[in-house]
Amino acid sequence: MASKKEGAQRVLDAHASRQKVKKRLVPVVVIIVLIGIGVAALTRWEFGLATVLLCGLLFQYAVERMTTILDAGVINGLKDMGWDIDTELDEATLEKISTIAAK
């Protein structure tokens, strides 16, 4: 069983990773569209559309998997700390968790 400090660090790490995932969404979508345009320019537009749809589907699956894993990390961290799993991670809560992790 993990300590409260380890649980707090897990919550902070999962929250930071969730923010990184959100920041990377737009650049990846732009890259997928550019690849689709490149495929459409080199072949037919149907292949470009298929490329965008297939890459978009794979990207959606990856984001959902990462989000699920990060949510599980937050829940496990909150359980290790002895907190309710429905605790909302606002600024005040994250500050308390940072204090616990720093001890």
PDB file of N, CA and C in Angstrom:
ATOM      1  N   MET A   1       0.848  -1.177   0.000  1.00  0.00           N
ATOM      2  CA  MET A   1       0.000   0.000   0.000  1.00  0.00           C
ATOM      3  C   MET A   1       0.892   1.238   0.000  1.00  0.00           C
ATOM      4  N   ALA A   2       0.561   2.167  -0.827  1.00  0.00           N
ATOM      5  CA  ALA A   2       1.359   3.378  -0.974  1.00  0.00           C
ATOM      6  C   ALA A   2       1.038   4.366   0.149  1.00  0.00           C
ATOM      7  N   SER A   3       1.992   5.236   0.408  1.00  0.00           N
ATOM      8  CA  SER A   3       1.795   6.242   1.445  1.00  0.00           C
ATOM      9  C   SER A   3       0.997   7.418   0.877  1.00  0.00           C
ATOM     10  N   LYS A   4       0.614   8.319   1.786  1.00  0.00           N
ATOM     11  CA  LYS A   4      -0.123   9.506   1.349  1.00  0.00           C
ATOM     12  C   LYS A   4       0.737  10.370   0.431  1.00  0.00           C
ATOM     13  N   LYS A   5       2.031  10.439   0.735  1.00  0.00           N
ATOM     14  CA  LYS A   5       2.933  11.246  -0.083  1.00  0.00           C
ATOM     15  C   LYS A   5       3.019  10.685  -1.504  1.00  0.00           C
ATOM     16  N   GLU A   6       3.137   9.366  -1.617  1.00  0.00           N
ATOM     17  CA  GLU A   6       3.197   8.741  -2.945  1.00  0.00           C
ATOM     18  C   GLU A   6       1.881   8.914  -3.692  1.00  0.00           C
ATOM     19  N   GLY A   7       0.768   8.809  -2.984  1.00  0.00           N
ATOM     20  CA  GLY A   7      -0.536   9.025  -3.605  1.00  0.00           C
ATOM     21  C   GLY A   7      -0.700  10.446  -4.101  1.00  0.00           C
ATOM     22  N   ALA A   8      -0.234  11.407  -3.289  1.00  0.00           N
ATOM     23  CA  ALA A   8      -0.314  12.810  -3.696  1.00  0.00           C
ATOM     24  C   ALA A   8       0.545  13.064  -4.927  1.00  0.00           C
ATOM     25  N   GLN A   9       1.728  12.475  -4.961  1.00  0.00           N
ATOM     26  CA  GLN A   9       2.597  12.648  -6.126  1.00  0.00           C
ATOM     27  C   GLN A   9       1.971  12.018  -7.367  1.00  0.00           C
ATOM     28  N   ARG A  10       1.307  10.884  -7.190  1.00  0.00           N
ATOM     29  CA  ARG A  10       0.635  10.230  -8.321  1.00  0.00           C
ATOM     30  C   ARG A  10      -0.470  11.124  -8.876  1.00  0.00           C
ATOM     31  N   VAL A  11      -1.238  11.755  -7.986  1.00  0.00           N
ATOM     32  CA  VAL A  11      -2.308  12.656  -8.425  1.00  0.00           C
ATOM     33  C   VAL A  11      -1.722  13.839  -9.182  1.00  0.00           C
ATOM     34  N   LEU A  12      -0.655  14.426  -8.648  1.00  0.00           N
ATOM     35  CA  LEU A  12      -0.037  15.577  -9.313  1.00  0.00           C
ATOM     36  C   LEU A  12       0.534  15.201 -10.675  1.00  0.00           C
ATOM     37  N   ASP A  13       1.181  14.054 -10.758  1.00  0.00           N
ATOM     38  CA  ASP A  13       1.749  13.611 -12.036  1.00  0.00           C
ATOM     39  C   ASP A  13       0.658  13.342 -13.067  1.00  0.00           C
ATOM     40  N   ALA A  14      -0.418  12.692 -12.646  1.00  0.00           N
ATOM     41  CA  ALA A  14      -1.512  12.399 -13.572  1.00  0.00           C
ATOM     42  C   ALA A  14      -2.187  13.681 -14.043  1.00  0.00           C
ATOM     43  N   HIS A  15      -2.337  14.642 -13.138  1.00  0.00           N
ATOM     44  CA  HIS A  15      -2.950  15.918 -13.518  1.00  0.00           C
ATOM     45  C   HIS A  15      -2.058  16.672 -14.506  1.00  0.00           C
ATOM     46  N   ALA A  16      -0.760  16.674 -14.273  1.00  0.00           N
ATOM     47  CA  ALA A  16       0.167  17.341 -15.196  1.00  0.00           C
ATOM     48  C   ALA A  16       0.167  16.651 -16.560  1.00  0.00           C
ATOM     49  N   SER A  17       0.116  15.343 -16.565  1.00  0.00           N
ATOM     50  CA  SER A  17       0.079  14.602 -17.830  1.00  0.00           C
ATOM     51  C   SER A  17      -1.214  14.876 -18.588  1.00  0.00           C
ATOM     52  N   ARG A  18      -2.307  15.011 -17.865  1.00  0.00           N
ATOM     53  CA  ARG A  18      -3.586  15.325 -18.513  1.00  0.00           C
ATOM     54  C   ARG A  18      -3.515  16.690 -19.200  1.00  0.00           C
ATOM     55  N   GLN A  19      -2.844  17.648 -18.559  1.00  0.00           N
ATOM     56  CA  GLN A  19      -2.690  18.966 -19.177  1.00  0.00           C
ATOM     57  C   GLN A  19      -1.825  18.885 -20.434  1.00  0.00           C
ATOM     58  N   LYS A  20      -0.783  18.048 -20.404  1.00  0.00           N
ATOM     59  CA  LYS A  20       0.073  17.876 -21.579  1.00  0.00           C
ATOM     60  C   LYS A  20      -0.690  17.256 -22.738  1.00  0.00           C
ATOM     61  N   VAL A  21      -1.562  16.297 -22.440  1.00  0.00           N
ATOM     62  CA  VAL A  21      -2.355  15.652 -23.496  1.00  0.00           C
ATOM     63  C   VAL A  21      -3.250  16.686 -24.171  1.00  0.00           C
ATOM     64  N   LYS A  22      -3.869  17.557 -23.379  1.00  0.00           N
ATOM     65  CA  LYS A  22      -4.744  18.586 -23.950  1.00  0.00           C
ATOM     66  C   LYS A  22      -3.967  19.538 -24.853  1.00  0.00           C
ATOM     67  N   LYS A  23      -2.735  19.874 -24.476  1.00  0.00           N
ATOM     68  CA  LYS A  23      -1.929  20.795 -25.280  1.00  0.00           C
ATOM     69  C   LYS A  23      -1.488  20.172 -26.598  1.00  0.00           C
ATOM     70  N   ARG A  24      -1.402  18.859 -26.654  1.00  0.00           N
ATOM     71  CA  ARG A  24      -0.894  18.186 -27.850  1.00  0.00           C
ATOM     72  C   ARG A  24      -1.992  17.811 -28.838  1.00  0.00           C
ATOM     73  N   LEU A  25      -3.237  18.063 -28.514  1.00  0.00           N
ATOM     74  CA  LEU A  25      -4.334  17.666 -29.390  1.00  0.00           C
ATOM     75  C   LEU A  25      -4.314  18.413 -30.721  1.00  0.00           C
ATOM     76  N   VAL A  26      -4.244  19.730 -30.669  1.00  0.00           N
ATOM     77  CA  VAL A  26      -4.327  20.538 -31.890  1.00  0.00           C
ATOM     78  C   VAL A  26      -3.155  20.276 -32.834  1.00  0.00           C
ATOM     79  N   PRO A  27      -1.904  20.263 -32.367  1.00  0.00           N
ATOM     80  CA  PRO A  27      -0.811  19.988 -33.309  1.00  0.00           C
ATOM     81  C   PRO A  27      -0.925  18.626 -33.993  1.00  0.00           C
ATOM     82  N   VAL A  28      -1.380  17.622 -33.276  1.00  0.00           N
ATOM     83  CA  VAL A  28      -1.513  16.296 -33.881  1.00  0.00           C
ATOM     84  C   VAL A  28      -2.617  16.302 -34.933  1.00  0.00           C
ATOM     85  N   VAL A  29      -3.720  16.977 -34.651  1.00  0.00           N
ATOM     86  CA  VAL A  29      -4.804  17.065 -35.637  1.00  0.00           C
ATOM     87  C   VAL A  29      -4.314  17.776 -36.894  1.00  0.00           C
ATOM     88  N   VAL A  30      -3.548  18.843 -36.726  1.00  0.00           N
ATOM     89  CA  VAL A  30      -3.003  19.568 -37.882  1.00  0.00           C
ATOM     90  C   VAL A  30      -2.081  18.660 -38.689  1.00  0.00           C
ATOM     91  N   ILE A  31      -1.247  17.900 -38.025  1.00  0.00           N
ATOM     92  CA  ILE A  31      -0.332  16.989 -38.725  1.00  0.00           C
ATOM     93  C   ILE A  31      -1.112  15.913 -39.480  1.00  0.00           C
ATOM     94  N   ILE A  32      -2.159  15.382 -38.865  1.00  0.00           N
ATOM     95  CA  ILE A  32      -2.979  14.371 -39.543  1.00  0.00           C
ATOM     96  C   ILE A  32      -3.604  14.953 -40.807  1.00  0.00           C
ATOM     97  N   VAL A  33      -4.119  16.167 -40.712  1.00  0.00           N
ATOM     98  CA  VAL A  33      -4.723  16.805 -41.888  1.00  0.00           C
ATOM     99  C   VAL A  33      -3.675  17.054 -42.963  1.00  0.00           C
ATOM    100  N   LEU A  34      -2.487  17.505 -42.575  1.00  0.00           N
ATOM    101  CA  LEU A  34      -1.425  17.738 -43.561  1.00  0.00           C
ATOM    102  C   LEU A  34      -1.004  16.444 -44.250  1.00  0.00           C
ATOM    103  N   ILE A  35      -0.916  15.373 -43.499  1.00  0.00           N
ATOM    104  CA  ILE A  35      -0.581  14.078 -44.101  1.00  0.00           C
ATOM    105  C   ILE A  35      -1.681  13.658 -45.078  1.00  0.00           C
ATOM    106  N   GLY A  36      -2.928  13.864 -44.691  1.00  0.00           N
ATOM    107  CA  GLY A  36      -4.042  13.538 -45.581  1.00  0.00           C
ATOM    108  C   GLY A  36      -4.016  14.358 -46.856  1.00  0.00           C
ATOM    109  N   ILE A  37      -3.680  15.640 -46.741  1.00  0.00           N
ATOM    110  CA  ILE A  37      -3.566  16.493 -47.927  1.00  0.00           C
ATOM    111  C   ILE A  37      -2.425  16.012 -48.813  1.00  0.00           C
ATOM    112  N   GLY A  38      -1.319  15.625 -48.186  1.00  0.00           N
ATOM    113  CA  GLY A  38      -0.188  15.102 -48.961  1.00  0.00           C
ATOM    114  C   GLY A  38      -0.539  13.827 -49.705  1.00  0.00           C
ATOM    115  N   VAL A  39      -1.233  12.930 -49.036  1.00  0.00           N
ATOM    116  CA  VAL A  39      -1.657  11.684 -49.692  1.00  0.00           C
ATOM    117  C   VAL A  39      -2.636  11.992 -50.822  1.00  0.00           C
ATOM    118  N   ALA A  40      -3.551  12.925 -50.581  1.00  0.00           N
ATOM    119  CA  ALA A  40      -4.520  13.289 -51.619  1.00  0.00           C
ATOM    120  C   ALA A  40      -3.826  13.937 -52.814  1.00  0.00           C
ATOM    121  N   ALA A  41      -2.793  14.725 -52.565  1.00  0.00           N
ATOM    122  CA  ALA A  41      -2.077  15.379 -53.667  1.00  0.00           C
ATOM    123  C   ALA A  41      -1.280  14.366 -54.481  1.00  0.00           C
ATOM    124  N   LEU A  42      -0.740  13.359 -53.827  1.00  0.00           N
ATOM    125  CA  LEU A  42       0.081  12.373 -54.531  1.00  0.00           C
ATOM    126  C   LEU A  42      -0.754  11.276 -55.192  1.00  0.00           C
ATOM    127  N   THR A  43      -1.949  11.027 -54.665  1.00  0.00           N
ATOM    128  CA  THR A  43      -2.789   9.959 -55.226  1.00  0.00           C
ATOM    129  C   THR A  43      -4.154  10.546 -55.568  1.00  0.00           C
ATOM    130  N   ARG A  44      -5.192   9.954 -55.037  1.00  0.00           N
ATOM    131  CA  ARG A  44      -6.552  10.444 -55.252  1.00  0.00           C
ATOM    132  C   ARG A  44      -7.093  11.007 -53.947  1.00  0.00           C
ATOM    133  N   TRP A  45      -8.106  11.874 -54.049  1.00  0.00           N
ATOM    134  CA  TRP A  45      -8.639  12.515 -52.853  1.00  0.00           C
ATOM    135  C   TRP A  45      -9.287  11.500 -51.912  1.00  0.00           C
ATOM    136  N   GLU A  46      -9.788  10.381 -52.461  1.00  0.00           N
ATOM    137  CA  GLU A  46     -10.402   9.367 -51.615  1.00  0.00           C
ATOM    138  C   GLU A  46      -9.385   8.747 -50.658  1.00  0.00           C
ATOM    139  N   PHE A  47      -8.164   8.553 -51.158  1.00  0.00           N
ATOM    140  CA  PHE A  47      -7.114   7.994 -50.303  1.00  0.00           C
ATOM    141  C   PHE A  47      -6.703   8.995 -49.217  1.00  0.00           C
ATOM    142  N   GLY A  48      -6.686  10.266 -49.558  1.00  0.00           N
ATOM    143  CA  GLY A  48      -6.394  11.301 -48.563  1.00  0.00           C
ATOM    144  C   GLY A  48      -7.446  11.341 -47.475  1.00  0.00           C
ATOM    145  N   LEU A  49      -8.714  11.259 -47.895  1.00  0.00           N
ATOM    146  CA  LEU A  49      -9.807  11.238 -46.923  1.00  0.00           C
ATOM    147  C   LEU A  49      -9.729   9.997 -46.045  1.00  0.00           C
ATOM    148  N   ALA A  50      -9.446   8.858 -46.664  1.00  0.00           N
ATOM    149  CA  ALA A  50      -9.319   7.618 -45.892  1.00  0.00           C
ATOM    150  C   ALA A  50      -8.166   7.709 -44.897  1.00  0.00           C
ATOM    151  N   THR A  51      -7.071   8.335 -45.311  1.00  0.00           N
ATOM    152  CA  THR A  51      -5.925   8.506 -44.414  1.00  0.00           C
ATOM    153  C   THR A  51      -6.304   9.358 -43.211  1.00  0.00           C
ATOM    154  N   VAL A  52      -6.994  10.469 -43.465  1.00  0.00           N
ATOM    155  CA  VAL A  52      -7.406  11.353 -42.367  1.00  0.00           C
ATOM    156  C   VAL A  52      -8.364  10.624 -41.426  1.00  0.00           C
ATOM    157  N   LEU A  53      -9.318   9.901 -41.986  1.00  0.00           N
ATOM    158  CA  LEU A  53     -10.283   9.189 -41.139  1.00  0.00           C
ATOM    159  C   LEU A  53      -9.619   8.090 -40.319  1.00  0.00           C
ATOM    160  N   LEU A  54      -8.738   7.333 -40.951  1.00  0.00           N
ATOM    161  CA  LEU A  54      -8.064   6.247 -40.232  1.00  0.00           C
ATOM    162  C   LEU A  54      -7.130   6.790 -39.147  1.00  0.00           C
ATOM    163  N   CYS A  55      -6.334   7.789 -39.492  1.00  0.00           N
ATOM    164  CA  CYS A  55      -5.435   8.382 -38.488  1.00  0.00           C
ATOM    165  C   CYS A  55      -6.232   9.051 -37.373  1.00  0.00           C
ATOM    166  N   GLY A  56      -7.339   9.696 -37.725  1.00  0.00           N
ATOM    167  CA  GLY A  56      -8.196  10.308 -36.711  1.00  0.00           C
ATOM    168  C   GLY A  56      -8.779   9.284 -35.763  1.00  0.00           C
ATOM    169  N   LEU A  57      -9.174   8.138 -36.315  1.00  0.00           N
ATOM    170  CA  LEU A  57      -9.709   7.064 -35.480  1.00  0.00           C
ATOM    171  C   LEU A  57      -8.647   6.528 -34.524  1.00  0.00           C
ATOM    172  N   LEU A  58      -7.452   6.308 -35.034  1.00  0.00           N
ATOM    173  CA  LEU A  58      -6.361   5.830 -34.180  1.00  0.00           C
ATOM    174  C   LEU A  58      -5.998   6.861 -33.113  1.00  0.00           C
ATOM    175  N   PHE A  59      -6.007   8.132 -33.484  1.00  0.00           N
ATOM    176  CA  PHE A  59      -5.696   9.196 -32.534  1.00  0.00           C
ATOM    177  C   PHE A  59      -6.765   9.266 -31.445  1.00  0.00           C
ATOM    178  N   GLN A  60      -8.027   9.156 -31.833  1.00  0.00           N
ATOM    179  CA  GLN A  60      -9.110   9.170 -30.855  1.00  0.00           C
ATOM    180  C   GLN A  60      -8.964   8.013 -29.871  1.00  0.00           C
ATOM    181  N   TYR A  61      -8.642   6.839 -30.376  1.00  0.00           N
ATOM    182  CA  TYR A  61      -8.449   5.673 -29.517  1.00  0.00           C
ATOM    183  C   TYR A  61      -7.294   5.914 -28.540  1.00  0.00           C
ATOM    184  N   ALA A  62      -6.198   6.467 -29.042  1.00  0.00           N
ATOM    185  CA  ALA A  62      -5.037   6.718 -28.185  1.00  0.00           C
ATOM    186  C   ALA A  62      -5.367   7.733 -27.094  1.00  0.00           C
ATOM    187  N   VAL A  63      -6.079   8.789 -27.447  1.00  0.00           N
ATOM    188  CA  VAL A  63      -6.436   9.812 -26.459  1.00  0.00           C
ATOM    189  C   VAL A  63      -7.374   9.229 -25.406  1.00  0.00           C
ATOM    190  N   GLU A  64      -8.331   8.423 -25.827  1.00  0.00           N
ATOM    191  CA  GLU A  64      -9.240   7.805 -24.859  1.00  0.00           C
ATOM    192  C   GLU A  64      -8.498   6.871 -23.916  1.00  0.00           C
ATOM    193  N   ARG A  65      -7.550   6.098 -24.446  1.00  0.00           N
ATOM    194  CA  ARG A  65      -6.750   5.208 -23.597  1.00  0.00           C
ATOM    195  C   ARG A  65      -5.927   6.011 -22.591  1.00  0.00           C
ATOM    196  N   MET A  66      -5.265   7.062 -23.067  1.00  0.00           N
ATOM    197  CA  MET A  66      -4.447   7.875 -22.164  1.00  0.00           C
ATOM    198  C   MET A  66      -5.304   8.531 -21.097  1.00  0.00           C
ATOM    199  N   THR A  67      -6.474   9.036 -21.482  1.00  0.00           N
ATOM    200  CA  THR A  67      -7.358   9.683 -20.518  1.00  0.00           C
ATOM    201  C   THR A  67      -7.831   8.691 -19.460  1.00  0.00           C
ATOM    202  N   THR A  68      -8.162   7.490 -19.877  1.00  0.00           N
ATOM    203  CA  THR A  68      -8.599   6.461 -18.932  1.00  0.00           C
ATOM    204  C   THR A  68      -7.481   6.104 -17.960  1.00  0.00           C
ATOM    205  N   ILE A  69      -6.278   5.955 -18.473  1.00  0.00           N
ATOM    206  CA  ILE A  69      -5.137   5.617 -17.618  1.00  0.00           C
ATOM    207  C   ILE A  69      -4.853   6.747 -16.628  1.00  0.00           C
ATOM    208  N   LEU A  70      -4.925   7.996 -17.095  1.00  0.00           N
ATOM    209  CA  LEU A  70      -4.664   9.127 -16.209  1.00  0.00           C
ATOM    210  C   LEU A  70      -5.763   9.269 -15.160  1.00  0.00           C
ATOM    211  N   ASP A  71      -7.012   9.036 -15.546  1.00  0.00           N
ATOM    212  CA  ASP A  71      -8.103   9.075 -14.565  1.00  0.00           C
ATOM    213  C   ASP A  71      -7.918   7.998 -13.499  1.00  0.00           C
ATOM    214  N   ALA A  72      -7.484   6.818 -13.922  1.00  0.00           N
ATOM    215  CA  ALA A  72      -7.227   5.744 -12.957  1.00  0.00           C
ATOM    216  C   ALA A  72      -6.085   6.122 -12.017  1.00  0.00           C
ATOM    217  N   GLY A  73      -5.068   6.805 -12.536  1.00  0.00           N
ATOM    218  CA  GLY A  73      -3.965   7.261 -11.690  1.00  0.00           C
ATOM    219  C   GLY A  73      -4.430   8.253 -10.639  1.00  0.00           C
ATOM    220  N   VAL A  74      -5.302   9.172 -11.038  1.00  0.00           N
ATOM    221  CA  VAL A  74      -5.840  10.144 -10.079  1.00  0.00           C
ATOM    222  C   VAL A  74      -6.677   9.429  -9.021  1.00  0.00           C
ATOM    223  N   ILE A  75      -7.522   8.517  -9.451  1.00  0.00           N
ATOM    224  CA  ILE A  75      -8.386   7.797  -8.503  1.00  0.00           C
ATOM    225  C   ILE A  75      -7.555   6.972  -7.525  1.00  0.00           C
ATOM    226  N   ASN A  76      -6.552   6.272  -8.026  1.00  0.00           N
ATOM    227  CA  ASN A  76      -5.697   5.477  -7.133  1.00  0.00           C
ATOM    228  C   ASN A  76      -4.920   6.366  -6.174  1.00  0.00           C
ATOM    229  N   GLY A  77      -4.454   7.507  -6.658  1.00  0.00           N
ATOM    230  CA  GLY A  77      -3.748   8.436  -5.781  1.00  0.00           C
ATOM    231  C   GLY A  77      -4.647   8.979  -4.684  1.00  0.00           C
ATOM    232  N   LEU A  78      -5.880   9.322  -5.050  1.00  0.00           N
ATOM    233  CA  LEU A  78      -6.825   9.816  -4.044  1.00  0.00           C
ATOM    234  C   LEU A  78      -7.170   8.728  -3.032  1.00  0.00           C
ATOM    235  N   LYS A  79      -7.300   7.488  -3.496  1.00  0.00           N
ATOM    236  CA  LYS A  79      -7.562   6.378  -2.568  1.00  0.00           C
ATOM    237  C   LYS A  79      -6.390   6.190  -1.612  1.00  0.00           C
ATOM    238  N   ASP A  80      -5.151   6.277  -2.138  1.00  0.00           N
ATOM    239  CA  ASP A  80      -3.976   6.127  -1.281  1.00  0.00           C
ATOM    240  C   ASP A  80      -3.907   7.224  -0.225  1.00  0.00           C
ATOM    241  N   MET A  81      -4.415   8.403  -0.573  1.00  0.00           N
ATOM    242  CA  MET A  81      -4.411   9.508   0.378  1.00  0.00           C
ATOM    243  C   MET A  81      -5.569   9.409   1.367  1.00  0.00           C
ATOM    244  N   GLY A  82      -6.519   8.517   1.094  1.00  0.00           N
ATOM    245  CA  GLY A  82      -7.673   8.384   1.972  1.00  0.00           C
ATOM    246  C   GLY A  82      -8.763   9.392   1.666  1.00  0.00           C
ATOM    247  N   TRP A  83      -8.730   9.993   0.491  1.00  0.00           N
ATOM    248  CA  TRP A  83      -9.720  10.989   0.095  1.00  0.00           C
ATOM    249  C   TRP A  83     -10.825  10.324  -0.702  1.00  0.00           C
ATOM    250  N   ASP A  84     -11.937  11.042  -0.835  1.00  0.00           N
ATOM    251  CA  ASP A  84     -13.055  10.568  -1.648  1.00  0.00           C
ATOM    252  C   ASP A  84     -12.665  10.647  -3.127  1.00  0.00           C
ATOM    253  N   ILE A  85     -13.034   9.626  -3.894  1.00  0.00           N
ATOM    254  CA  ILE A  85     -12.617   9.598  -5.303  1.00  0.00           C
ATOM    255  C   ILE A  85     -13.369  10.621  -6.151  1.00  0.00           C
ATOM    256  N   ASP A  86     -14.437  11.206  -5.609  1.00  0.00           N
ATOM    257  CA  ASP A  86     -15.189  12.231  -6.337  1.00  0.00           C
ATOM    258  C   ASP A  86     -14.659  13.633  -6.080  1.00  0.00           C
ATOM    259  N   THR A  87     -13.516  13.746  -5.435  1.00  0.00           N
ATOM    260  CA  THR A  87     -12.927  15.042  -5.140  1.00  0.00           C
ATOM    261  C   THR A  87     -12.569  15.754  -6.436  1.00  0.00           C
ATOM    262  N   GLU A  88     -13.027  16.994  -6.562  1.00  0.00           N
ATOM    263  CA  GLU A  88     -12.726  17.779  -7.762  1.00  0.00           C
ATOM    264  C   GLU A  88     -11.335  18.393  -7.621  1.00  0.00           C
ATOM    265  N   LEU A  89     -10.555  18.328  -8.680  1.00  0.00           N
ATOM    266  CA  LEU A  89      -9.182  18.831  -8.638  1.00  0.00           C
ATOM    267  C   LEU A  89      -9.140  20.291  -9.075  1.00  0.00           C
ATOM    268  N   ASP A  90      -9.548  21.182  -8.166  1.00  0.00           N
ATOM    269  CA  ASP A  90      -9.433  22.607  -8.449  1.00  0.00           C
ATOM    270  C   ASP A  90      -8.113  23.121  -7.877  1.00  0.00           C
ATOM    271  N   GLU A  91      -7.883  24.408  -7.982  1.00  0.00           N
ATOM    272  CA  GLU A  91      -6.597  24.982  -7.565  1.00  0.00           C
ATOM    273  C   GLU A  91      -6.322  24.775  -6.075  1.00  0.00           C
ATOM    274  N   ALA A  92      -7.338  24.963  -5.242  1.00  0.00           N
ATOM    275  CA  ALA A  92      -7.141  24.803  -3.795  1.00  0.00           C
ATOM    276  C   ALA A  92      -6.813  23.350  -3.448  1.00  0.00           C
ATOM    277  N   THR A  93      -7.505  22.428  -4.085  1.00  0.00           N
ATOM    278  CA  THR A  93      -7.249  21.009  -3.826  1.00  0.00           C
ATOM    279  C   THR A  93      -5.857  20.619  -4.290  1.00  0.00           C
ATOM    280  N   LEU A  94      -5.464  21.092  -5.473  1.00  0.00           N
ATOM    281  CA  LEU A  94      -4.124  20.783  -5.974  1.00  0.00           C
ATOM    282  C   LEU A  94      -3.037  21.381  -5.080  1.00  0.00           C
ATOM    283  N   GLU A  95      -3.321  22.537  -4.485  1.00  0.00           N
ATOM    284  CA  GLU A  95      -2.353  23.141  -3.562  1.00  0.00           C
ATOM    285  C   GLU A  95      -2.198  22.282  -2.302  1.00  0.00           C
ATOM    286  N   LYS A  96      -3.317  21.768  -1.772  1.00  0.00           N
ATOM    287  CA  LYS A  96      -3.252  20.867  -0.614  1.00  0.00           C
ATOM    288  C   LYS A  96      -2.464  19.606  -0.954  1.00  0.00           C
ATOM    289  N   ILE A  97      -2.737  19.064  -2.140  1.00  0.00           N
ATOM    290  CA  ILE A  97      -2.049  17.842  -2.563  1.00  0.00           C
ATOM    291  C   ILE A  97      -0.561  18.109  -2.737  1.00  0.00           C
ATOM    292  N   SER A  98      -0.209  19.282  -3.262  1.00  0.00           N
ATOM    293  CA  SER A  98       1.209  19.645  -3.403  1.00  0.00           C
ATOM    294  C   SER A  98       1.887  19.737  -2.047  1.00  0.00           C
ATOM    295  N   THR A  99       1.168  20.271  -1.066  1.00  0.00           N
ATOM    296  CA  THR A  99       1.711  20.361   0.290  1.00  0.00           C
ATOM    297  C   THR A  99       1.952  18.970   0.865  1.00  0.00           C
ATOM    298  N   ILE A 100       1.013  18.060   0.644  1.00  0.00           N
ATOM    299  CA  ILE A 100       1.173  16.691   1.141  1.00  0.00           C
ATOM    300  C   ILE A 100       2.350  16.012   0.454  1.00  0.00           C
ATOM    301  N   ALA A 101       2.492  16.231  -0.855  1.00  0.00           N
ATOM    302  CA  ALA A 101       3.584  15.597  -1.606  1.00  0.00           C
ATOM    303  C   ALA A 101       4.944  16.150  -1.202  1.00  0.00           C
ATOM    304  N   ALA A 102       4.989  17.399  -0.757  1.00  0.00           N
ATOM    305  CA  ALA A 102       6.259  18.025  -0.393  1.00  0.00           C
ATOM    306  C   ALA A 102       6.745  17.598   0.990  1.00  0.00           C
ATOM    307  N   LYS A 103       5.860  17.086   1.831  1.00  0.00           N
ATOM    308  CA  LYS A 103       6.248  16.701   3.197  1.00  0.00           C
ATOM    309  C   LYS A 103       7.191  15.536   3.199  1.00  0.00           C
TER     310      LYS A 103
END
